[in-house]
């Protein structure tokens, strides 16, 4: 179990290293679809992540979808793969929820969100936004849903800077990153 957690954290940290400050669009919340549609999708996938106790998901550079750091298939063909419903990771879901999970992953991918992980300090999911290649370890952007404005006053936010906010989505970057 500890090896799996270590592998998951390693994968997430490696994916987080692919960010850079040379792309100013990463500092603003802008999607291909409307903010309400993306926020709704983030809420829905977040509920599914909690339901199945999923710690992370991400799309690899080769187009594979990994859930809990285990590759489950190619993201572009996974909906047609009937084995999806037999995977242990989806046994918590109904068939409709498993399909919804995949559809949400694809929708969020089209809106610059290709991974999420459960942040231990927040006990919430952070959704990695506009991930790009970088040599800088800690340069990433993450979206998080807040319940109310007082959430951002919490001491746990001290290690982050808030770059943008639209509706209940907050765009975060590590406090030590040059923007």
C-alpha atoms as a PDB file:
ATOM      1  CA  UNK A   1       0.000   0.000   0.000  1.00  0.00           C
ATOM      2  CA  UNK A   2       2.820   2.416   0.881  1.00  0.00           C
ATOM      3  CA  UNK A   3       4.480   1.659  -2.453  1.00  0.00           C
ATOM      4  CA  UNK A   4       1.254   2.514  -4.258  1.00  0.00           C
ATOM      5  CA  UNK A   5       0.961   5.816  -2.405  1.00  0.00           C
ATOM      6  CA  UNK A   6       4.620   6.581  -3.110  1.00  0.00           C
ATOM      7  CA  UNK A   7       4.101   5.754  -6.788  1.00  0.00           C
ATOM      8  CA  UNK A   8       1.003   7.962  -6.919  1.00  0.00           C
ATOM      9  CA  UNK A   9       2.801  10.879  -5.299  1.00  0.00           C
ATOM     10  CA  UNK A  10       5.798  10.413  -7.585  1.00  0.00           C
ATOM     11  CA  UNK A  11       3.556  10.461 -10.678  1.00  0.00           C
ATOM     12  CA  UNK A  12       1.748  13.544  -9.469  1.00  0.00           C
ATOM     13  CA  UNK A  13       4.967  15.337  -8.590  1.00  0.00           C
ATOM     14  CA  UNK A  14       6.426  14.448 -11.965  1.00  0.00           C
ATOM     15  CA  UNK A  15       3.340  15.775 -13.696  1.00  0.00           C
ATOM     16  CA  UNK A  16       3.507  18.934 -11.617  1.00  0.00           C
ATOM     17  CA  UNK A  17       7.053  19.522 -12.833  1.00  0.00           C
ATOM     18  CA  UNK A  18       5.711  20.128 -16.332  1.00  0.00           C
ATOM     19  CA  UNK A  19       4.508  23.659 -15.631  1.00  0.00           C
ATOM     20  CA  UNK A  20       6.089  26.993 -16.510  1.00  0.00           C
ATOM     21  CA  UNK A  21       5.611  30.696 -15.870  1.00  0.00           C
ATOM     22  CA  UNK A  22       6.207  31.493 -19.541  1.00  0.00           C
ATOM     23  CA  UNK A  23       2.536  30.992 -20.265  1.00  0.00           C
ATOM     24  CA  UNK A  24       0.549  33.868 -18.780  1.00  0.00           C
ATOM     25  CA  UNK A  25      -2.798  32.279 -19.785  1.00  0.00           C
ATOM     26  CA  UNK A  26      -2.157  29.784 -16.989  1.00  0.00           C
ATOM     27  CA  UNK A  27      -2.713  32.564 -14.462  1.00  0.00           C
ATOM     28  CA  UNK A  28      -6.318  33.216 -15.466  1.00  0.00           C
ATOM     29  CA  UNK A  29      -9.334  30.948 -15.441  1.00  0.00           C
ATOM     30  CA  UNK A  30     -10.428  30.595 -19.057  1.00  0.00           C
ATOM     31  CA  UNK A  31     -12.029  27.500 -20.516  1.00  0.00           C
ATOM     32  CA  UNK A  32     -13.297  26.373 -23.914  1.00  0.00           C
ATOM     33  CA  UNK A  33     -16.728  25.891 -22.332  1.00  0.00           C
ATOM     34  CA  UNK A  34     -18.564  28.152 -19.886  1.00  0.00           C
ATOM     35  CA  UNK A  35     -17.332  28.525 -16.305  1.00  0.00           C
ATOM     36  CA  UNK A  36     -20.658  27.225 -14.914  1.00  0.00           C
ATOM     37  CA  UNK A  37     -20.403  24.095 -17.100  1.00  0.00           C
ATOM     38  CA  UNK A  38     -16.819  23.410 -16.019  1.00  0.00           C
ATOM     39  CA  UNK A  39     -17.574  24.106 -12.354  1.00  0.00           C
ATOM     40  CA  UNK A  40     -20.541  21.724 -12.515  1.00  0.00           C
ATOM     41  CA  UNK A  41     -18.320  19.047 -14.088  1.00  0.00           C
ATOM     42  CA  UNK A  42     -15.645  19.542 -11.431  1.00  0.00           C
ATOM     43  CA  UNK A  43     -18.300  19.143  -8.725  1.00  0.00           C
ATOM     44  CA  UNK A  44     -19.698  16.003 -10.352  1.00  0.00           C
ATOM     45  CA  UNK A  45     -16.340  14.318 -10.862  1.00  0.00           C
ATOM     46  CA  UNK A  46     -15.273  15.335  -7.367  1.00  0.00           C
ATOM     47  CA  UNK A  47     -18.338  13.550  -5.945  1.00  0.00           C
ATOM     48  CA  UNK A  48     -17.408  10.455  -7.947  1.00  0.00           C
ATOM     49  CA  UNK A  49     -13.799  10.646  -6.746  1.00  0.00           C
ATOM     50  CA  UNK A  50     -14.961  10.801  -3.132  1.00  0.00           C
ATOM     51  CA  UNK A  51     -17.470   7.991  -3.649  1.00  0.00           C
ATOM     52  CA  UNK A  52     -14.823   5.541  -4.907  1.00  0.00           C
ATOM     53  CA  UNK A  53     -12.090   6.897  -2.594  1.00  0.00           C
ATOM     54  CA  UNK A  54      -9.912   7.728  -5.597  1.00  0.00           C
ATOM     55  CA  UNK A  55      -6.769   9.624  -4.603  1.00  0.00           C
ATOM     56  CA  UNK A  56      -5.798  10.767  -8.099  1.00  0.00           C
ATOM     57  CA  UNK A  57      -6.378  10.504 -11.796  1.00  0.00           C
ATOM     58  CA  UNK A  58      -4.275  11.801 -14.655  1.00  0.00           C
ATOM     59  CA  UNK A  59      -3.803  11.514 -18.371  1.00  0.00           C
ATOM     60  CA  UNK A  60      -0.270  10.516 -19.354  1.00  0.00           C
ATOM     61  CA  UNK A  61       1.667  12.069 -22.226  1.00  0.00           C
ATOM     62  CA  UNK A  62       0.892   8.884 -24.201  1.00  0.00           C
ATOM     63  CA  UNK A  63      -2.861   9.403 -23.775  1.00  0.00           C
ATOM     64  CA  UNK A  64      -3.373   6.765 -21.101  1.00  0.00           C
ATOM     65  CA  UNK A  65      -5.821   7.356 -18.271  1.00  0.00           C
ATOM     66  CA  UNK A  66      -4.441   6.434 -14.861  1.00  0.00           C
ATOM     67  CA  UNK A  67      -6.635   6.182 -11.786  1.00  0.00           C
ATOM     68  CA  UNK A  68      -4.982   5.807  -8.382  1.00  0.00           C
ATOM     69  CA  UNK A  69      -1.724   5.800 -10.343  1.00  0.00           C
ATOM     70  CA  UNK A  70      -2.698   2.677 -12.306  1.00  0.00           C
ATOM     71  CA  UNK A  71      -3.135   2.927 -16.077  1.00  0.00           C
ATOM     72  CA  UNK A  72      -6.590   1.669 -17.038  1.00  0.00           C
ATOM     73  CA  UNK A  73      -6.578   2.350 -20.783  1.00  0.00           C
ATOM     74  CA  UNK A  74      -6.260   4.836 -23.614  1.00  0.00           C
ATOM     75  CA  UNK A  75      -8.392   7.876 -22.882  1.00  0.00           C
ATOM     76  CA  UNK A  76      -9.701   8.192 -26.457  1.00  0.00           C
ATOM     77  CA  UNK A  77     -10.942   4.590 -26.676  1.00  0.00           C
ATOM     78  CA  UNK A  78     -11.780   3.744 -23.085  1.00  0.00           C
ATOM     79  CA  UNK A  79     -15.533   4.285 -23.465  1.00  0.00           C
ATOM     80  CA  UNK A  80     -15.734   1.410 -25.956  1.00  0.00           C
ATOM     81  CA  UNK A  81     -13.736  -0.934 -23.706  1.00  0.00           C
ATOM     82  CA  UNK A  82     -16.312  -3.062 -21.855  1.00  0.00           C
ATOM     83  CA  UNK A  83     -13.597  -4.187 -19.407  1.00  0.00           C
ATOM     84  CA  UNK A  84     -13.933  -0.744 -17.848  1.00  0.00           C
ATOM     85  CA  UNK A  85     -16.914  -1.927 -15.834  1.00  0.00           C
ATOM     86  CA  UNK A  86     -15.015  -4.910 -14.450  1.00  0.00           C
ATOM     87  CA  UNK A  87     -12.106  -2.911 -13.076  1.00  0.00           C
ATOM     88  CA  UNK A  88     -11.884  -2.980  -9.306  1.00  0.00           C
ATOM     89  CA  UNK A  89     -11.557   0.772  -9.197  1.00  0.00           C
ATOM     90  CA  UNK A  90     -15.033   1.192 -10.722  1.00  0.00           C
ATOM     91  CA  UNK A  91     -16.836  -1.457  -8.683  1.00  0.00           C
ATOM     92  CA  UNK A  92     -18.189   1.284  -6.414  1.00  0.00           C
ATOM     93  CA  UNK A  93     -19.887   2.872  -9.410  1.00  0.00           C
ATOM     94  CA  UNK A  94     -22.951   1.865 -11.328  1.00  0.00           C
ATOM     95  CA  UNK A  95     -22.367   1.412 -15.057  1.00  0.00           C
ATOM     96  CA  UNK A  96     -23.871   4.872 -15.626  1.00  0.00           C
ATOM     97  CA  UNK A  97     -21.513   6.448 -13.049  1.00  0.00           C
ATOM     98  CA  UNK A  98     -18.469   4.784 -14.651  1.00  0.00           C
ATOM     99  CA  UNK A  99     -19.505   6.199 -18.032  1.00  0.00           C
ATOM    100  CA  UNK A 100     -20.111   9.602 -16.448  1.00  0.00           C
ATOM    101  CA  UNK A 101     -16.638   9.513 -14.859  1.00  0.00           C
ATOM    102  CA  UNK A 102     -14.998   8.909 -18.254  1.00  0.00           C
ATOM    103  CA  UNK A 103     -17.156  11.563 -19.954  1.00  0.00           C
ATOM    104  CA  UNK A 104     -16.246  14.085 -17.251  1.00  0.00           C
ATOM    105  CA  UNK A 105     -12.529  13.300 -17.594  1.00  0.00           C
ATOM    106  CA  UNK A 106     -12.809  13.927 -21.343  1.00  0.00           C
ATOM    107  CA  UNK A 107     -14.830  17.132 -20.883  1.00  0.00           C
ATOM    108  CA  UNK A 108     -12.357  18.498 -18.329  1.00  0.00           C
ATOM    109  CA  UNK A 109      -9.435  17.532 -20.582  1.00  0.00           C
ATOM    110  CA  UNK A 110     -11.011  19.704 -23.302  1.00  0.00           C
ATOM    111  CA  UNK A 111     -10.999  22.534 -20.748  1.00  0.00           C
ATOM    112  CA  UNK A 112      -7.299  22.248 -19.799  1.00  0.00           C
ATOM    113  CA  UNK A 113      -7.767  19.998 -16.735  1.00  0.00           C
ATOM    114  CA  UNK A 114      -6.015  16.650 -17.187  1.00  0.00           C
ATOM    115  CA  UNK A 115      -5.481  15.491 -13.625  1.00  0.00           C
ATOM    116  CA  UNK A 116      -6.636  15.764 -10.053  1.00  0.00           C
ATOM    117  CA  UNK A 117      -5.385  14.625  -6.704  1.00  0.00           C
ATOM    118  CA  UNK A 118      -6.637  14.706  -3.165  1.00  0.00           C
ATOM    119  CA  UNK A 119      -4.568  17.259  -1.272  1.00  0.00           C
ATOM    120  CA  UNK A 120      -3.899  15.971   2.232  1.00  0.00           C
ATOM    121  CA  UNK A 121      -3.840  19.396   3.919  1.00  0.00           C
ATOM    122  CA  UNK A 122      -7.109  20.559   2.391  1.00  0.00           C
ATOM    123  CA  UNK A 123      -8.778  17.135   2.336  1.00  0.00           C
ATOM    124  CA  UNK A 124     -10.118  18.314  -1.023  1.00  0.00           C
ATOM    125  CA  UNK A 125      -9.272  17.662  -4.606  1.00  0.00           C
ATOM    126  CA  UNK A 126      -6.997  19.964  -6.569  1.00  0.00           C
ATOM    127  CA  UNK A 127      -7.445  19.905 -10.333  1.00  0.00           C
ATOM    128  CA  UNK A 128      -4.256  20.618 -12.256  1.00  0.00           C
ATOM    129  CA  UNK A 129      -4.880  23.399 -14.773  1.00  0.00           C
ATOM    130  CA  UNK A 130      -3.010  24.056 -18.033  1.00  0.00           C
ATOM    131  CA  UNK A 131      -0.199  21.685 -17.248  1.00  0.00           C
ATOM    132  CA  UNK A 132       2.905  22.209 -19.402  1.00  0.00           C
ATOM    133  CA  UNK A 133       6.503  21.023 -19.486  1.00  0.00           C
ATOM    134  CA  UNK A 134       8.892  22.727 -17.094  1.00  0.00           C
ATOM    135  CA  UNK A 135      12.088  22.052 -15.261  1.00  0.00           C
ATOM    136  CA  UNK A 136      10.774  23.818 -12.190  1.00  0.00           C
ATOM    137  CA  UNK A 137       9.524  21.379  -9.584  1.00  0.00           C
ATOM    138  CA  UNK A 138       6.943  23.524  -7.843  1.00  0.00           C
ATOM    139  CA  UNK A 139       5.523  25.556 -10.726  1.00  0.00           C
ATOM    140  CA  UNK A 140       1.954  24.369 -11.228  1.00  0.00           C
ATOM    141  CA  UNK A 141      -1.568  25.771 -11.296  1.00  0.00           C
ATOM    142  CA  UNK A 142      -4.484  24.093  -9.589  1.00  0.00           C
ATOM    143  CA  UNK A 143      -8.192  24.719  -9.438  1.00  0.00           C
ATOM    144  CA  UNK A 144     -10.199  24.077  -6.320  1.00  0.00           C
ATOM    145  CA  UNK A 145     -13.847  24.544  -5.506  1.00  0.00           C
ATOM    146  CA  UNK A 146     -14.457  26.691  -2.465  1.00  0.00           C
ATOM    147  CA  UNK A 147     -17.681  26.676  -0.500  1.00  0.00           C
ATOM    148  CA  UNK A 148     -17.500  30.302   0.577  1.00  0.00           C
ATOM    149  CA  UNK A 149     -15.032  33.192   0.620  1.00  0.00           C
ATOM    150  CA  UNK A 150     -13.883  32.392   4.158  1.00  0.00           C
ATOM    151  CA  UNK A 151     -12.382  29.131   2.832  1.00  0.00           C
ATOM    152  CA  UNK A 152      -9.507  31.131   1.338  1.00  0.00           C
ATOM    153  CA  UNK A 153      -8.704  32.741   4.695  1.00  0.00           C
ATOM    154  CA  UNK A 154      -7.895  29.329   6.129  1.00  0.00           C
ATOM    155  CA  UNK A 155      -4.276  28.915   7.257  1.00  0.00           C
ATOM    156  CA  UNK A 156      -3.892  26.005   4.864  1.00  0.00           C
ATOM    157  CA  UNK A 157      -3.913  28.534   2.007  1.00  0.00           C
ATOM    158  CA  UNK A 158      -0.745  30.167   3.372  1.00  0.00           C
ATOM    159  CA  UNK A 159       1.468  28.126   1.047  1.00  0.00           C
ATOM    160  CA  UNK A 160      -0.554  29.191  -2.020  1.00  0.00           C
ATOM    161  CA  UNK A 161      -1.260  32.386  -3.868  1.00  0.00           C
ATOM    162  CA  UNK A 162      -4.680  32.931  -5.350  1.00  0.00           C
ATOM    163  CA  UNK A 163      -4.327  33.959  -8.986  1.00  0.00           C
ATOM    164  CA  UNK A 164      -7.944  34.128 -10.086  1.00  0.00           C
ATOM    165  CA  UNK A 165     -11.476  33.310  -8.987  1.00  0.00           C
ATOM    166  CA  UNK A 166     -14.564  32.659 -11.078  1.00  0.00           C
ATOM    167  CA  UNK A 167     -17.770  31.674  -9.334  1.00  0.00           C
ATOM    168  CA  UNK A 168     -16.666  29.030  -6.808  1.00  0.00           C
ATOM    169  CA  UNK A 169     -13.487  28.034  -8.643  1.00  0.00           C
ATOM    170  CA  UNK A 170     -10.215  29.370  -7.295  1.00  0.00           C
ATOM    171  CA  UNK A 171      -6.964  29.186  -9.263  1.00  0.00           C
ATOM    172  CA  UNK A 172      -3.977  28.520  -7.019  1.00  0.00           C
ATOM    173  CA  UNK A 173      -0.204  28.482  -7.442  1.00  0.00           C
ATOM    174  CA  UNK A 174       2.463  27.725  -4.849  1.00  0.00           C
ATOM    175  CA  UNK A 175       3.416  30.822  -2.919  1.00  0.00           C
ATOM    176  CA  UNK A 176       7.086  30.513  -3.870  1.00  0.00           C
ATOM    177  CA  UNK A 177       6.503  30.506  -7.639  1.00  0.00           C
ATOM    178  CA  UNK A 178       7.320  33.603  -9.665  1.00  0.00           C
ATOM    179  CA  UNK A 179       4.260  34.531 -11.671  1.00  0.00           C
END
